[in-house]
Structures are given as C-alpha cells and as structure tokens.
C-alpha cells in the first residue's frame, strides 16, 4: 500500500487564485494536475501557476 500525504495545491483558474487539498504519494506536478483534473473535470485545462506544498 502506498503512503499518501496531504498537500495543498495553489493555482489559478481563469485568472482567479484558488487552492485545494489533495492526498497524493508525492508533491510532483503530474500528481497535482491529476488531482485538479478529478476536482475540476474539463475546466482543469484552464488551470495555470500550479504550486504544491505539504499541508500543515
């Protein structure tokens, strides 16, 4: 079983700053994009400026 850690993903969607939490195995950009795709569906294509950090 892979251990997951809670991360906060900061990003812009249509120019508006947003953030979400996600359980991911690592802080890679690919993992963050996949998590945001699950949250936002087709709107994930409009996301930019993605930053990932460990949640407190």
N, C-alpha and C. Protein backbone atom coordinates (compact mmCIF):
# COMPACT_ATOMS: atom_id res chain seq x y z
N UNK A 1 0.85 -1.19 0.00
CA UNK A 1 0.00 0.00 0.00
C UNK A 1 0.89 1.25 0.00
N UNK A 2 0.61 2.15 -0.88
CA UNK A 2 1.39 3.38 -1.00
C UNK A 2 0.93 4.40 0.03
N UNK A 3 1.90 4.99 0.72
CA UNK A 3 1.57 6.01 1.71
C UNK A 3 1.28 7.32 0.98
N UNK A 4 0.22 8.00 1.41
CA UNK A 4 -0.10 9.30 0.83
C UNK A 4 0.04 10.37 1.90
N UNK A 5 0.32 11.56 1.46
CA UNK A 5 0.49 12.72 2.34
C UNK A 5 -0.47 13.80 1.87
N UNK A 6 -0.99 14.58 2.79
CA UNK A 6 -1.90 15.66 2.44
C UNK A 6 -1.09 16.87 1.98
N UNK A 7 -1.40 17.34 0.77
CA UNK A 7 -0.74 18.50 0.18
C UNK A 7 -1.78 19.58 -0.11
N UNK A 8 -1.30 20.82 -0.13
CA UNK A 8 -2.14 21.93 -0.58
C UNK A 8 -1.64 22.31 -1.97
N UNK A 9 -2.58 22.48 -2.89
CA UNK A 9 -2.25 22.85 -4.27
C UNK A 9 -2.78 24.26 -4.50
N UNK A 10 -1.88 25.19 -4.76
CA UNK A 10 -2.26 26.57 -5.07
C UNK A 10 -2.17 26.74 -6.58
N UNK A 11 -3.17 27.42 -7.17
CA UNK A 11 -3.21 27.55 -8.62
C UNK A 11 -4.12 28.71 -9.01
N UNK A 12 -4.14 28.99 -10.30
CA UNK A 12 -5.06 29.99 -10.86
C UNK A 12 -5.99 29.29 -11.83
N UNK A 13 -7.29 29.59 -11.70
CA UNK A 13 -8.30 29.06 -12.61
C UNK A 13 -9.02 30.26 -13.22
N UNK A 14 -8.88 30.43 -14.52
CA UNK A 14 -9.43 31.60 -15.22
C UNK A 14 -8.93 32.90 -14.60
N UNK A 15 -7.69 32.94 -14.15
CA UNK A 15 -7.10 34.14 -13.59
C UNK A 15 -7.38 34.37 -12.11
N UNK A 16 -8.26 33.57 -11.51
CA UNK A 16 -8.59 33.72 -10.08
C UNK A 16 -7.72 32.77 -9.26
N UNK A 17 -7.12 33.30 -8.19
CA UNK A 17 -6.29 32.46 -7.32
C UNK A 17 -7.18 31.53 -6.51
N UNK A 18 -6.78 30.25 -6.45
CA UNK A 18 -7.54 29.25 -5.71
C UNK A 18 -6.57 28.28 -5.05
N UNK A 19 -7.11 27.43 -4.17
CA UNK A 19 -6.32 26.36 -3.56
C UNK A 19 -7.24 25.21 -3.16
N UNK A 20 -6.67 24.02 -3.14
CA UNK A 20 -7.39 22.82 -2.73
C UNK A 20 -6.41 21.89 -2.03
N UNK A 21 -6.95 20.98 -1.23
CA UNK A 21 -6.14 19.95 -0.59
C UNK A 21 -6.29 18.65 -1.38
N UNK A 22 -5.23 17.83 -1.36
CA UNK A 22 -5.28 16.54 -2.02
C UNK A 22 -4.35 15.55 -1.32
N UNK A 23 -4.76 14.29 -1.23
CA UNK A 23 -3.92 13.21 -0.73
C UNK A 23 -3.15 12.65 -1.93
N UNK A 24 -1.82 12.76 -1.90
CA UNK A 24 -1.00 12.29 -3.02
C UNK A 24 0.23 11.58 -2.50
N UNK A 25 0.82 10.67 -3.30
CA UNK A 25 2.03 9.98 -2.87
C UNK A 25 3.26 10.89 -2.84
N UNK A 26 3.29 11.93 -3.68
CA UNK A 26 4.42 12.88 -3.68
C UNK A 26 3.93 14.24 -4.17
N UNK A 27 4.83 15.22 -4.14
CA UNK A 27 4.46 16.59 -4.49
C UNK A 27 4.76 16.92 -5.95
N UNK A 28 4.69 15.93 -6.83
CA UNK A 28 5.03 16.16 -8.23
C UNK A 28 3.92 16.95 -8.94
N UNK A 29 4.32 17.66 -9.96
CA UNK A 29 3.38 18.46 -10.75
C UNK A 29 2.36 17.55 -11.44
N UNK A 30 2.79 16.38 -11.89
CA UNK A 30 1.88 15.45 -12.56
C UNK A 30 0.78 14.98 -11.60
N UNK A 31 1.15 14.67 -10.35
CA UNK A 31 0.17 14.25 -9.35
C UNK A 31 -0.81 15.39 -9.07
N UNK A 32 -0.31 16.61 -8.97
CA UNK A 32 -1.16 17.77 -8.70
C UNK A 32 -2.15 17.99 -9.85
N UNK A 33 -1.66 17.88 -11.09
CA UNK A 33 -2.55 18.06 -12.25
C UNK A 33 -3.64 17.00 -12.27
N UNK A 34 -3.30 15.76 -11.93
CA UNK A 34 -4.29 14.69 -11.90
C UNK A 34 -5.33 14.95 -10.81
N UNK A 35 -4.90 15.40 -9.64
CA UNK A 35 -5.83 15.71 -8.55
C UNK A 35 -6.77 16.85 -8.95
N UNK A 36 -6.23 17.88 -9.59
CA UNK A 36 -7.06 19.00 -10.03
C UNK A 36 -8.01 18.58 -11.14
N UNK A 37 -7.59 17.66 -11.99
CA UNK A 37 -8.47 17.15 -13.05
C UNK A 37 -9.66 16.42 -12.44
N UNK A 38 -9.43 15.68 -11.35
CA UNK A 38 -10.52 14.99 -10.67
C UNK A 38 -11.49 15.98 -10.04
N UNK A 39 -10.97 17.10 -9.54
CA UNK A 39 -11.81 18.10 -8.87
C UNK A 39 -12.59 18.93 -9.89
N UNK A 40 -11.91 19.41 -10.94
CA UNK A 40 -12.50 20.38 -11.85
C UNK A 40 -12.95 19.82 -13.19
N UNK A 41 -12.65 18.58 -13.48
CA UNK A 41 -13.07 17.98 -14.75
C UNK A 41 -12.47 18.71 -15.95
N UNK A 42 -13.32 19.07 -16.91
CA UNK A 42 -12.85 19.72 -18.14
C UNK A 42 -12.26 21.10 -17.89
N UNK A 43 -12.65 21.77 -16.82
CA UNK A 43 -12.10 23.09 -16.50
C UNK A 43 -10.62 23.02 -16.12
N UNK A 44 -10.08 21.83 -15.87
CA UNK A 44 -8.67 21.67 -15.49
C UNK A 44 -7.74 22.20 -16.57
N UNK A 45 -8.20 22.26 -17.81
CA UNK A 45 -7.37 22.78 -18.91
C UNK A 45 -7.10 24.28 -18.75
N UNK A 46 -7.91 24.99 -17.97
CA UNK A 46 -7.77 26.43 -17.76
C UNK A 46 -6.88 26.78 -16.57
N UNK A 47 -6.32 25.76 -15.89
CA UNK A 47 -5.53 25.97 -14.69
C UNK A 47 -4.09 26.32 -15.05
N UNK A 48 -3.51 27.29 -14.32
CA UNK A 48 -2.12 27.69 -14.52
C UNK A 48 -1.48 27.98 -13.16
N UNK A 49 -0.18 28.25 -13.17
CA UNK A 49 0.58 28.64 -11.97
C UNK A 49 0.38 27.67 -10.80
N UNK A 50 0.60 26.39 -11.04
CA UNK A 50 0.39 25.37 -10.00
C UNK A 50 1.60 25.31 -9.08
N UNK A 51 1.34 25.35 -7.77
CA UNK A 51 2.37 25.21 -6.74
C UNK A 51 1.87 24.20 -5.71
N UNK A 52 2.75 23.27 -5.33
CA UNK A 52 2.38 22.23 -4.37
C UNK A 52 3.27 22.32 -3.15
N UNK A 53 2.65 22.24 -1.96
CA UNK A 53 3.42 22.21 -0.72
C UNK A 53 2.70 21.32 0.29
N UNK A 54 3.45 20.82 1.26
CA UNK A 54 2.87 19.95 2.27
C UNK A 54 1.94 20.75 3.16
N UNK A 55 0.76 20.21 3.40
CA UNK A 55 -0.23 20.87 4.27
C UNK A 55 0.26 20.84 5.71
N UNK A 56 -0.09 21.85 6.46
CA UNK A 56 0.33 21.89 7.87
C UNK A 56 -0.53 21.02 8.74
